[in-house]
Amino acid sequence: VMGWPGLGPLLLEAILAQRVISMQYHSLESRRQKLYTVHPSRLIHVQGGLYLIAFVPAYAEVRTFAVERISIVSVQETTFEPIAELDTDPFKNSLGVHRGGLTRKVQLRFHPQITPLVKERTWHASQQFKDRTDGSTVMTLDVTDDYALRNWILGFGRFVKVLAPAQLVKWTEDELDAARQQYESGGVAVDSDVQ
């Protein structure tokens, strides 16, 4: 089967029947199409995307695949025995769709202007707040330091300050410096098609 819109039911059927699948997958990491043979275990809808969690025998590990990057799927006659029961929440340590990795204590100070907005939502099960006398709040999270966390932090712009861990503070400073350099004179040329 080609094309991602109709893949959900096909993948779900393969999961339920414990059938091996072969699929063409566009890997963002390697920037190319790769052929995978996998043992599909679960489909999960997270942050507006559909993800396939599957055991990859060639790597002897469980991986997560964005369904929209699967271009061709072939369900095999071969069946498989699941190697182990997956955690009920495979992304529990991340703010996104990332699995694994050690958790770190992350501390962020939010500006008083957005403190009410930040506090009204559950961003992660581990979140804790400590209000400060100036109206700001310090949020503490126990999460993996992954792309999802870093992207989320940058989304708050000047209204958040990373307090810990030290390597995340340094990364944030470097990332903001690199972003600022794009606006300095003599920076990257602007595409003439953008108005």
N, C-alpha and C. Protein backbone atom coordinates (compact mmCIF):
# COMPACT_ATOMS: atom_id res chain seq x y z
N VAL A 1 0.85 -1.18 0.00
CA VAL A 1 0.00 0.00 0.00
C VAL A 1 0.89 1.23 0.00
N MET A 2 0.54 2.21 -0.85
CA MET A 2 1.32 3.45 -0.92
C MET A 2 0.50 4.59 -0.33
N GLY A 3 1.20 5.58 0.22
CA GLY A 3 0.55 6.79 0.70
C GLY A 3 0.09 6.68 2.13
N TRP A 4 0.31 7.75 2.91
CA TRP A 4 0.07 7.68 4.34
C TRP A 4 -1.38 7.81 4.77
N PRO A 5 -2.28 8.52 4.09
CA PRO A 5 -3.61 8.69 4.67
C PRO A 5 -4.34 7.38 4.99
N GLY A 6 -4.17 6.36 4.19
CA GLY A 6 -4.86 5.10 4.43
C GLY A 6 -4.08 4.09 5.25
N LEU A 7 -2.94 4.49 5.77
CA LEU A 7 -2.09 3.53 6.47
C LEU A 7 -2.57 3.16 7.87
N GLY A 8 -3.29 4.05 8.52
CA GLY A 8 -3.73 3.79 9.90
C GLY A 8 -4.43 2.45 10.05
N PRO A 9 -5.50 2.20 9.28
CA PRO A 9 -6.21 0.91 9.40
C PRO A 9 -5.32 -0.29 9.06
N LEU A 10 -4.47 -0.15 8.03
CA LEU A 10 -3.59 -1.24 7.63
C LEU A 10 -2.59 -1.56 8.75
N LEU A 11 -2.01 -0.52 9.34
CA LEU A 11 -1.05 -0.73 10.43
C LEU A 11 -1.74 -1.32 11.65
N LEU A 12 -2.94 -0.84 11.95
CA LEU A 12 -3.68 -1.38 13.09
C LEU A 12 -3.99 -2.86 12.89
N GLU A 13 -4.38 -3.22 11.68
CA GLU A 13 -4.65 -4.63 11.37
C GLU A 13 -3.38 -5.48 11.55
N ALA A 14 -2.23 -4.98 11.10
CA ALA A 14 -0.96 -5.71 11.26
C ALA A 14 -0.60 -5.85 12.74
N ILE A 15 -0.86 -4.81 13.52
CA ILE A 15 -0.58 -4.86 14.96
C ILE A 15 -1.43 -5.94 15.61
N LEU A 16 -2.73 -5.92 15.34
CA LEU A 16 -3.64 -6.89 15.96
C LEU A 16 -3.33 -8.33 15.56
N ALA A 17 -2.91 -8.52 14.30
CA ALA A 17 -2.60 -9.87 13.81
C ALA A 17 -1.15 -10.27 14.08
N GLN A 18 -0.38 -9.36 14.66
CA GLN A 18 1.05 -9.58 14.93
C GLN A 18 1.77 -10.04 13.67
N ARG A 19 1.58 -9.26 12.60
CA ARG A 19 2.20 -9.56 11.31
C ARG A 19 3.37 -8.62 11.07
N VAL A 20 4.46 -9.15 10.59
CA VAL A 20 5.65 -8.38 10.24
C VAL A 20 5.30 -7.45 9.08
N ILE A 21 5.82 -6.24 9.12
CA ILE A 21 5.64 -5.34 7.99
C ILE A 21 6.99 -4.85 7.49
N SER A 22 7.03 -4.58 6.18
CA SER A 22 8.17 -3.92 5.55
C SER A 22 7.66 -2.54 5.14
N MET A 23 8.48 -1.54 5.33
CA MET A 23 8.02 -0.19 4.99
C MET A 23 9.17 0.69 4.53
N GLN A 24 8.85 1.58 3.62
CA GLN A 24 9.77 2.63 3.19
C GLN A 24 9.52 3.81 4.11
N TYR A 25 10.56 4.32 4.72
CA TYR A 25 10.41 5.39 5.71
C TYR A 25 11.42 6.49 5.41
N HIS A 26 10.93 7.73 5.40
CA HIS A 26 11.83 8.87 5.20
C HIS A 26 12.41 9.26 6.55
N SER A 27 13.68 8.96 6.74
CA SER A 27 14.37 9.27 7.98
C SER A 27 14.89 10.70 7.92
N LEU A 28 14.43 11.53 8.85
CA LEU A 28 14.93 12.91 8.90
C LEU A 28 16.39 12.94 9.32
N GLU A 29 16.77 11.99 10.18
CA GLU A 29 18.14 11.95 10.67
C GLU A 29 19.15 11.70 9.54
N SER A 30 18.85 10.71 8.69
CA SER A 30 19.78 10.40 7.60
C SER A 30 19.40 11.11 6.30
N ARG A 31 18.24 11.77 6.28
CA ARG A 31 17.74 12.52 5.12
C ARG A 31 17.60 11.64 3.87
N ARG A 32 17.11 10.43 4.09
CA ARG A 32 16.90 9.54 2.94
C ARG A 32 15.81 8.53 3.27
N GLN A 33 15.31 7.89 2.20
CA GLN A 33 14.35 6.82 2.36
C GLN A 33 15.09 5.56 2.81
N LYS A 34 14.54 4.88 3.80
CA LYS A 34 15.14 3.65 4.28
C LYS A 34 14.08 2.56 4.32
N LEU A 35 14.51 1.35 4.02
CA LEU A 35 13.61 0.21 4.11
C LEU A 35 13.76 -0.42 5.50
N TYR A 36 12.64 -0.57 6.20
CA TYR A 36 12.63 -1.19 7.52
C TYR A 36 11.73 -2.41 7.49
N THR A 37 12.13 -3.46 8.18
CA THR A 37 11.26 -4.59 8.47
C THR A 37 11.05 -4.53 9.98
N VAL A 38 9.77 -4.45 10.39
CA VAL A 38 9.48 -4.20 11.80
C VAL A 38 8.36 -5.10 12.31
N HIS A 39 8.31 -5.18 13.64
CA HIS A 39 7.22 -5.84 14.34
C HIS A 39 6.38 -4.72 14.96
N PRO A 40 5.27 -4.35 14.34
CA PRO A 40 4.48 -3.22 14.84
C PRO A 40 3.79 -3.55 16.16
N SER A 41 3.84 -2.61 17.12
CA SER A 41 3.18 -2.87 18.39
C SER A 41 2.07 -1.91 18.75
N ARG A 42 2.19 -0.65 18.35
CA ARG A 42 1.20 0.32 18.81
C ARG A 42 1.15 1.52 17.89
N LEU A 43 -0.05 2.06 17.72
CA LEU A 43 -0.25 3.35 17.06
C LEU A 43 -0.67 4.34 18.13
N ILE A 44 -0.04 5.51 18.12
CA ILE A 44 -0.35 6.52 19.13
C ILE A 44 -0.54 7.86 18.44
N HIS A 45 -1.59 8.57 18.84
CA HIS A 45 -1.84 9.92 18.33
C HIS A 45 -1.35 10.90 19.39
N VAL A 46 -0.32 11.69 19.03
CA VAL A 46 0.27 12.65 19.96
C VAL A 46 0.55 13.94 19.21
N GLN A 47 0.21 15.06 19.83
CA GLN A 47 0.52 16.38 19.28
C GLN A 47 0.16 16.52 17.80
N GLY A 48 -1.01 16.01 17.44
CA GLY A 48 -1.49 16.15 16.08
C GLY A 48 -0.89 15.18 15.08
N GLY A 49 -0.04 14.27 15.53
CA GLY A 49 0.58 13.31 14.62
C GLY A 49 0.27 11.88 15.03
N LEU A 50 0.34 10.97 14.07
CA LEU A 50 0.13 9.55 14.32
C LEU A 50 1.50 8.86 14.27
N TYR A 51 1.81 8.07 15.29
CA TYR A 51 3.12 7.44 15.40
C TYR A 51 2.98 5.94 15.56
N LEU A 52 3.86 5.21 14.89
CA LEU A 52 3.93 3.77 15.00
C LEU A 52 5.11 3.42 15.90
N ILE A 53 4.84 2.63 16.91
CA ILE A 53 5.91 2.12 17.76
C ILE A 53 6.11 0.67 17.35
N ALA A 54 7.35 0.33 17.02
CA ALA A 54 7.62 -1.01 16.49
C ALA A 54 9.01 -1.47 16.90
N PHE A 55 9.14 -2.79 17.07
CA PHE A 55 10.44 -3.40 17.32
C PHE A 55 11.13 -3.58 15.97
N VAL A 56 12.40 -3.16 15.89
CA VAL A 56 13.17 -3.29 14.66
C VAL A 56 14.23 -4.37 14.89
N PRO A 57 14.01 -5.58 14.37
CA PRO A 57 14.96 -6.67 14.61
C PRO A 57 16.39 -6.34 14.17
N ALA A 58 16.56 -5.61 13.09
CA ALA A 58 17.91 -5.29 12.60
C ALA A 58 18.72 -4.49 13.62
N TYR A 59 18.02 -3.72 14.45
CA TYR A 59 18.71 -2.90 15.47
C TYR A 59 18.47 -3.43 16.88
N ALA A 60 17.63 -4.47 16.99
CA ALA A 60 17.27 -5.07 18.28
C ALA A 60 16.78 -4.03 19.27
N GLU A 61 15.92 -3.10 18.77
CA GLU A 61 15.37 -2.10 19.66
C GLU A 61 14.01 -1.62 19.16
N VAL A 62 13.28 -1.02 20.07
CA VAL A 62 11.98 -0.43 19.74
C VAL A 62 12.23 0.99 19.26
N ARG A 63 11.57 1.36 18.15
CA ARG A 63 11.70 2.71 17.59
C ARG A 63 10.33 3.30 17.33
N THR A 64 10.31 4.62 17.20
CA THR A 64 9.07 5.35 16.92
C THR A 64 9.16 5.93 15.52
N PHE A 65 8.09 5.73 14.74
CA PHE A 65 8.05 6.20 13.35
C PHE A 65 6.84 7.12 13.16
N ALA A 66 7.06 8.28 12.56
CA ALA A 66 5.95 9.18 12.20
C ALA A 66 5.25 8.57 10.99
N VAL A 67 3.97 8.30 11.11
CA VAL A 67 3.23 7.61 10.04
C VAL A 67 3.25 8.42 8.75
N GLU A 68 3.23 9.75 8.83
CA GLU A 68 3.22 10.54 7.59
C GLU A 68 4.52 10.43 6.81
N ARG A 69 5.58 9.89 7.41
CA ARG A 69 6.83 9.69 6.69
C ARG A 69 6.99 8.27 6.16
N ILE A 70 5.96 7.46 6.33
CA ILE A 70 5.95 6.11 5.75
C ILE A 70 5.32 6.22 4.38
N SER A 71 6.06 5.81 3.34
CA SER A 71 5.52 5.95 1.99
C SER A 71 4.93 4.66 1.44
N ILE A 72 5.51 3.52 1.76
CA ILE A 72 5.03 2.23 1.24
C ILE A 72 5.05 1.22 2.38
N VAL A 73 3.97 0.43 2.50
CA VAL A 73 3.90 -0.61 3.52
C VAL A 73 3.48 -1.91 2.86
N SER A 74 4.17 -2.97 3.25
CA SER A 74 3.80 -4.30 2.79
C SER A 74 3.64 -5.18 4.04
N VAL A 75 2.44 -5.71 4.23
CA VAL A 75 2.19 -6.60 5.36
C VAL A 75 2.58 -8.01 4.94
N GLN A 76 3.45 -8.63 5.70
CA GLN A 76 3.97 -9.96 5.39
C GLN A 76 3.04 -11.04 5.96
N GLU A 77 3.19 -12.24 5.45
CA GLU A 77 2.45 -13.39 6.00
C GLU A 77 3.06 -13.81 7.33
N THR A 78 4.34 -13.52 7.51
CA THR A 78 5.06 -13.91 8.73
C THR A 78 4.50 -13.20 9.95
N THR A 79 4.33 -13.95 11.03
CA THR A 79 3.88 -13.36 12.29
C THR A 79 5.07 -13.29 13.24
N PHE A 80 4.88 -12.60 14.35
CA PHE A 80 5.95 -12.46 15.34
C PHE A 80 5.35 -12.57 16.73
N GLU A 81 6.20 -12.88 17.68
CA GLU A 81 5.82 -12.86 19.09
C GLU A 81 6.37 -11.57 19.68
N PRO A 82 5.53 -10.78 20.35
CA PRO A 82 6.05 -9.55 20.96
C PRO A 82 7.15 -9.89 21.95
N ILE A 83 8.22 -9.10 21.93
CA ILE A 83 9.35 -9.39 22.81
C ILE A 83 9.08 -9.00 24.26
N ALA A 84 8.30 -7.96 24.46
CA ALA A 84 7.98 -7.52 25.82
C ALA A 84 6.81 -6.56 25.74
N GLU A 85 6.11 -6.42 26.82
CA GLU A 85 5.00 -5.49 26.88
C GLU A 85 5.56 -4.08 26.97
N LEU A 86 5.05 -3.21 26.13
CA LEU A 86 5.47 -1.82 26.17
C LEU A 86 4.84 -1.12 27.35
N ASP A 87 5.51 -0.10 27.81
CA ASP A 87 4.98 0.75 28.86
C ASP A 87 3.66 1.34 28.37
N THR A 88 2.72 1.54 29.27
CA THR A 88 1.43 2.11 28.87
C THR A 88 1.57 3.53 28.32
N ASP A 89 2.61 4.25 28.74
CA ASP A 89 2.88 5.58 28.21
C ASP A 89 4.34 5.63 27.77
N PRO A 90 4.63 5.25 26.53
CA PRO A 90 6.02 5.18 26.09
C PRO A 90 6.74 6.52 26.04
N PHE A 91 6.00 7.62 26.05
CA PHE A 91 6.61 8.95 25.97
C PHE A 91 6.54 9.67 27.32
N LYS A 92 6.38 8.94 28.40
CA LYS A 92 6.13 9.56 29.71
C LYS A 92 7.24 10.48 30.19
N ASN A 93 8.47 10.30 29.73
CA ASN A 93 9.57 11.14 30.20
C ASN A 93 9.85 12.33 29.32
N SER A 94 9.03 12.53 28.29
CA SER A 94 9.27 13.59 27.31
C SER A 94 8.07 14.52 27.22
N LEU A 95 8.33 15.74 26.78
CA LEU A 95 7.24 16.66 26.47
C LEU A 95 6.72 16.41 25.07
N GLY A 96 7.32 15.50 24.33
CA GLY A 96 6.94 15.20 22.96
C GLY A 96 6.79 13.72 22.73
N VAL A 97 7.24 13.28 21.58
CA VAL A 97 7.09 11.87 21.18
C VAL A 97 8.44 11.16 21.19
N HIS A 98 9.23 11.45 22.20
CA HIS A 98 10.55 10.85 22.30
C HIS A 98 10.54 9.82 23.42
N ARG A 99 11.22 8.71 23.18
CA ARG A 99 11.28 7.62 24.14
C ARG A 99 12.67 7.55 24.74
N GLY A 100 12.72 6.97 25.90
CA GLY A 100 14.01 6.67 26.50
C GLY A 100 14.76 7.89 26.97
N GLY A 101 16.00 7.66 27.31
CA GLY A 101 16.84 8.74 27.81
C GLY A 101 16.63 8.96 29.29
N LEU A 102 17.69 9.41 29.91
CA LEU A 102 17.62 9.71 31.34
C LEU A 102 16.84 10.99 31.56
N THR A 103 16.11 11.02 32.66
CA THR A 103 15.42 12.26 32.99
C THR A 103 16.36 13.17 33.76
N ARG A 104 16.11 14.45 33.65
CA ARG A 104 16.89 15.46 34.35
C ARG A 104 15.93 16.40 35.06
N LYS A 105 16.40 16.98 36.15
CA LYS A 105 15.60 17.99 36.83
C LYS A 105 15.82 19.29 36.07
N VAL A 106 14.76 19.79 35.45
CA VAL A 106 14.80 21.02 34.67
C VAL A 106 14.05 22.08 35.46
N GLN A 107 14.69 23.25 35.61
CA GLN A 107 14.05 24.36 36.31
C GLN A 107 13.97 25.56 35.38
N LEU A 108 12.78 26.14 35.30
CA LEU A 108 12.51 27.26 34.42
C LEU A 108 11.78 28.34 35.21
N ARG A 109 12.20 29.59 35.01
CA ARG A 109 11.49 30.71 35.64
C ARG A 109 10.66 31.41 34.57
N PHE A 110 9.37 31.51 34.79
CA PHE A 110 8.46 32.16 33.85
C PHE A 110 8.11 33.56 34.32
N HIS A 111 8.09 34.48 33.39
CA HIS A 111 7.79 35.89 33.62
C HIS A 111 6.36 36.02 34.19
N PRO A 112 6.15 37.02 35.08
CA PRO A 112 4.82 37.21 35.66
C PRO A 112 3.70 37.36 34.62
N GLN A 113 4.02 37.91 33.46
CA GLN A 113 3.01 38.12 32.43
C GLN A 113 2.40 36.82 31.92
N ILE A 114 3.18 35.74 31.90
CA ILE A 114 2.63 34.47 31.40
C ILE A 114 2.49 33.40 32.47
N THR A 115 2.84 33.72 33.71
CA THR A 115 2.71 32.75 34.79
C THR A 115 1.31 32.13 34.85
N PRO A 116 0.22 32.93 34.78
CA PRO A 116 -1.10 32.30 34.84
C PRO A 116 -1.35 31.32 33.68
N LEU A 117 -0.88 31.65 32.49
CA LEU A 117 -1.06 30.77 31.34
C LEU A 117 -0.29 29.46 31.51
N VAL A 118 0.91 29.56 32.03
CA VAL A 118 1.75 28.37 32.22
C VAL A 118 1.15 27.47 33.30
N LYS A 119 0.65 28.07 34.36
CA LYS A 119 0.14 27.29 35.49
C LYS A 119 -1.22 26.65 35.24
N GLU A 120 -1.97 27.14 34.26
CA GLU A 120 -3.31 26.60 34.04
C GLU A 120 -3.30 25.28 33.27
N ARG A 121 -2.15 24.87 32.77
CA ARG A 121 -2.08 23.69 31.92
C ARG A 121 -1.13 22.65 32.53
N THR A 122 -1.44 21.38 32.30
CA THR A 122 -0.52 20.32 32.68
C THR A 122 0.36 20.03 31.47
N TRP A 123 1.60 20.44 31.55
CA TRP A 123 2.57 20.24 30.47
C TRP A 123 3.21 18.87 30.59
N HIS A 124 3.42 18.44 31.84
CA HIS A 124 4.01 17.13 32.11
C HIS A 124 3.59 16.71 33.52
N ALA A 125 3.44 15.41 33.72
CA ALA A 125 2.97 14.90 35.02
C ALA A 125 3.90 15.28 36.18
N SER A 126 5.18 15.51 35.91
CA SER A 126 6.13 15.79 36.98
C SER A 126 6.19 17.27 37.38
N GLN A 127 5.47 18.14 36.69
CA GLN A 127 5.62 19.58 36.92
C GLN A 127 5.24 19.99 38.33
N GLN A 128 6.04 20.90 38.86
CA GLN A 128 5.77 21.52 40.16
C GLN A 128 6.09 22.99 40.02
N PHE A 129 5.34 23.84 40.75
CA PHE A 129 5.54 25.27 40.69
C PHE A 129 5.89 25.83 42.05
N LYS A 130 6.75 26.84 42.03
CA LYS A 130 7.04 27.60 43.24
C LYS A 130 6.91 29.07 42.86
N ASP A 131 5.87 29.70 43.41
CA ASP A 131 5.62 31.10 43.10
C ASP A 131 6.61 32.00 43.80
N ARG A 132 6.97 33.08 43.12
CA ARG A 132 7.92 34.04 43.66
C ARG A 132 7.20 35.35 43.96
N THR A 133 7.76 36.14 44.85
CA THR A 133 7.10 37.38 45.28
C THR A 133 6.92 38.40 44.17
N ASP A 134 7.73 38.31 43.10
CA ASP A 134 7.61 39.27 41.99
C ASP A 134 6.52 38.87 40.99
N GLY A 135 5.79 37.77 41.26
CA GLY A 135 4.72 37.33 40.37
C GLY A 135 5.17 36.27 39.38
N SER A 136 6.47 36.02 39.29
CA SER A 136 6.96 34.96 38.41
C SER A 136 6.78 33.62 39.12
N THR A 137 7.01 32.55 38.39
CA THR A 137 6.96 31.22 39.00
C THR A 137 8.13 30.40 38.48
N VAL A 138 8.61 29.48 39.30
CA VAL A 138 9.64 28.55 38.90
C VAL A 138 8.99 27.19 38.75
N MET A 139 9.12 26.65 37.54
CA MET A 139 8.58 25.31 37.25
C MET A 139 9.74 24.32 37.30
N THR A 140 9.51 23.21 37.98
CA THR A 140 10.47 22.11 38.01
C THR A 140 9.84 20.92 37.33
N LEU A 141 10.59 20.30 36.41
CA LEU A 141 10.14 19.13 35.66
C LEU A 141 11.21 18.06 35.75
N ASP A 142 10.81 16.81 35.75
CA ASP A 142 11.74 15.68 35.61
C ASP A 142 11.45 15.06 34.25
N VAL A 143 12.23 15.46 33.24
CA VAL A 143 12.00 15.05 31.85
C VAL A 143 13.32 14.80 31.15
N THR A 144 13.24 14.20 29.97
CA THR A 144 14.44 14.04 29.15
C THR A 144 14.76 15.37 28.48
N ASP A 145 16.04 15.63 28.35
CA ASP A 145 16.51 16.83 27.66
C ASP A 145 16.57 16.48 26.18
N ASP A 146 15.44 16.65 25.51
CA ASP A 146 15.34 16.24 24.11
C ASP A 146 14.85 17.41 23.26
N TYR A 147 14.67 17.14 21.98
CA TYR A 147 14.22 18.16 21.04
C TYR A 147 12.89 18.78 21.48
N ALA A 148 11.98 17.94 21.96
CA ALA A 148 10.66 18.44 22.35
C ALA A 148 10.77 19.46 23.48
N LEU A 149 11.58 19.18 24.48
CA LEU A 149 11.78 20.12 25.59
C LEU A 149 12.40 21.41 25.10
N ARG A 150 13.46 21.30 24.30
CA ARG A 150 14.17 22.49 23.84
C ARG A 150 13.29 23.36 22.95
N ASN A 151 12.53 22.75 22.07
CA ASN A 151 11.63 23.49 21.20
C ASN A 151 10.54 24.18 22.02
N TRP A 152 10.02 23.50 23.02
CA TRP A 152 8.99 24.05 23.90
C TRP A 152 9.53 25.27 24.65
N ILE A 153 10.73 25.16 25.19
CA ILE A 153 11.34 26.28 25.91
C ILE A 153 11.50 27.49 24.99
N LEU A 154 12.05 27.28 23.80
CA LEU A 154 12.27 28.40 22.87
C LEU A 154 10.95 29.06 22.48
N GLY A 155 9.86 28.33 22.51
CA GLY A 155 8.56 28.87 22.16
C GLY A 155 8.09 29.96 23.10
N PHE A 156 8.64 30.02 24.30
CA PHE A 156 8.26 31.05 25.27
C PHE A 156 9.10 32.32 25.12
N GLY A 157 10.13 32.26 24.27
CA GLY A 157 10.94 33.45 24.01
C GLY A 157 11.48 34.10 25.27
N ARG A 158 11.32 35.40 25.33
CA ARG A 158 11.89 36.17 26.45
C ARG A 158 11.12 36.01 27.76
N PHE A 159 10.04 35.25 27.75
CA PHE A 159 9.23 35.08 28.96
C PHE A 159 9.64 33.89 29.81
N VAL A 160 10.73 33.21 29.44
CA VAL A 160 11.23 32.09 30.24
C VAL A 160 12.74 32.20 30.36
N LYS A 161 13.24 31.79 31.50
CA LYS A 161 14.69 31.70 31.72
C LYS A 161 14.99 30.31 32.25
N VAL A 162 15.91 29.61 31.58
CA VAL A 162 16.30 28.28 32.02
C VAL A 162 17.27 28.46 33.20
N LEU A 163 16.97 27.80 34.30
CA LEU A 163 17.81 27.90 35.50
C LEU A 163 18.70 26.66 35.68
N ALA A 164 18.22 25.50 35.25
CA ALA A 164 18.97 24.26 35.43
C ALA A 164 18.39 23.21 34.50
N PRO A 165 19.20 22.23 34.09
CA PRO A 165 20.61 21.97 34.39
C PRO A 165 21.53 22.89 33.59
N ALA A 166 22.79 22.93 34.00
CA ALA A 166 23.76 23.86 33.41
C ALA A 166 23.92 23.67 31.90
N GLN A 167 23.93 22.41 31.41
CA GLN A 167 24.12 22.21 29.97
C GLN A 167 22.93 22.71 29.17
N LEU A 168 21.73 22.69 29.74
CA LEU A 168 20.56 23.22 29.06
C LEU A 168 20.58 24.75 29.07
N VAL A 169 21.09 25.34 30.15
CA VAL A 169 21.26 26.80 30.20
C VAL A 169 22.21 27.23 29.09
N LYS A 170 23.34 26.54 28.97
CA LYS A 170 24.35 26.86 27.95
C LYS A 170 23.78 26.69 26.54
N TRP A 171 23.08 25.58 26.30
CA TRP A 171 22.50 25.34 24.98
C TRP A 171 21.52 26.47 24.62
N THR A 172 20.69 26.87 25.59
CA THR A 172 19.70 27.93 25.34
C THR A 172 20.39 29.24 24.99
N GLU A 173 21.43 29.59 25.75
CA GLU A 173 22.19 30.81 25.46
C GLU A 173 22.77 30.76 24.05
N ASP A 174 23.38 29.63 23.69
CA ASP A 174 23.98 29.48 22.37
C ASP A 174 22.93 29.57 21.26
N GLU A 175 21.79 28.93 21.47
CA GLU A 175 20.73 28.92 20.47
C GLU A 175 20.17 30.33 20.27
N LEU A 176 19.97 31.05 21.36
CA LEU A 176 19.45 32.42 21.25
C LEU A 176 20.46 33.35 20.59
N ASP A 177 21.75 33.15 20.89
CA ASP A 177 22.80 33.94 20.22
C ASP A 177 22.80 33.67 18.72
N ALA A 178 22.69 32.40 18.34
CA ALA A 178 22.67 32.05 16.91
C ALA A 178 21.44 32.65 16.22
N ALA A 179 20.30 32.64 16.90
CA ALA A 179 19.09 33.23 16.33
C ALA A 179 19.25 34.74 16.17
N ARG A 180 19.83 35.38 17.18
CA ARG A 180 20.04 36.84 17.14
C ARG A 180 20.96 37.22 15.98
N GLN A 181 21.96 36.39 15.69
CA GLN A 181 22.91 36.68 14.62
C GLN A 181 22.22 36.76 13.25
N GLN A 182 21.11 36.08 13.09
CA GLN A 182 20.39 36.13 11.82
C GLN A 182 19.83 37.52 11.53
N TYR A 183 19.66 38.33 12.57
CA TYR A 183 19.06 39.65 12.41
C TYR A 183 20.10 40.77 12.38
N GLU A 184 21.35 40.43 12.61
CA GLU A 184 22.40 41.44 12.56
C GLU A 184 22.71 41.77 11.11
N SER A 185 23.22 42.97 10.87
CA SER A 185 23.55 43.36 9.50
C SER A 185 24.61 42.42 8.94
N GLY A 186 24.47 42.10 7.66
CA GLY A 186 25.41 41.19 7.02
C GLY A 186 25.09 39.74 7.27
N GLY A 187 23.92 39.45 7.88
CA GLY A 187 23.53 38.08 8.17
C GLY A 187 23.06 37.37 6.92
N VAL A 188 22.34 36.30 7.10
CA VAL A 188 21.83 35.48 6.00
C VAL A 188 20.91 36.33 5.12
N ALA A 189 21.07 36.23 3.83
CA ALA A 189 20.23 36.98 2.90
C ALA A 189 18.79 36.50 2.98
N VAL A 190 17.87 37.44 2.86
CA VAL A 190 16.46 37.13 2.91
C VAL A 190 15.99 36.70 1.52
N ASP A 191 15.19 35.68 1.46
CA ASP A 191 14.63 35.19 0.21
C ASP A 191 13.81 36.30 -0.43
N SER A 192 14.07 36.61 -1.69
CA SER A 192 13.41 37.72 -2.37
C SER A 192 11.92 37.46 -2.58
N ASP A 193 11.49 36.19 -2.44
CA ASP A 193 10.07 35.90 -2.63
C ASP A 193 9.26 36.21 -1.39
N VAL A 194 9.90 36.40 -0.26
CA VAL A 194 9.19 36.69 0.98
C VAL A 194 8.93 38.18 1.07
N GLN A 195 7.69 38.56 1.28
CA GLN A 195 7.33 39.97 1.40
C GLN A 195 7.06 40.34 2.83
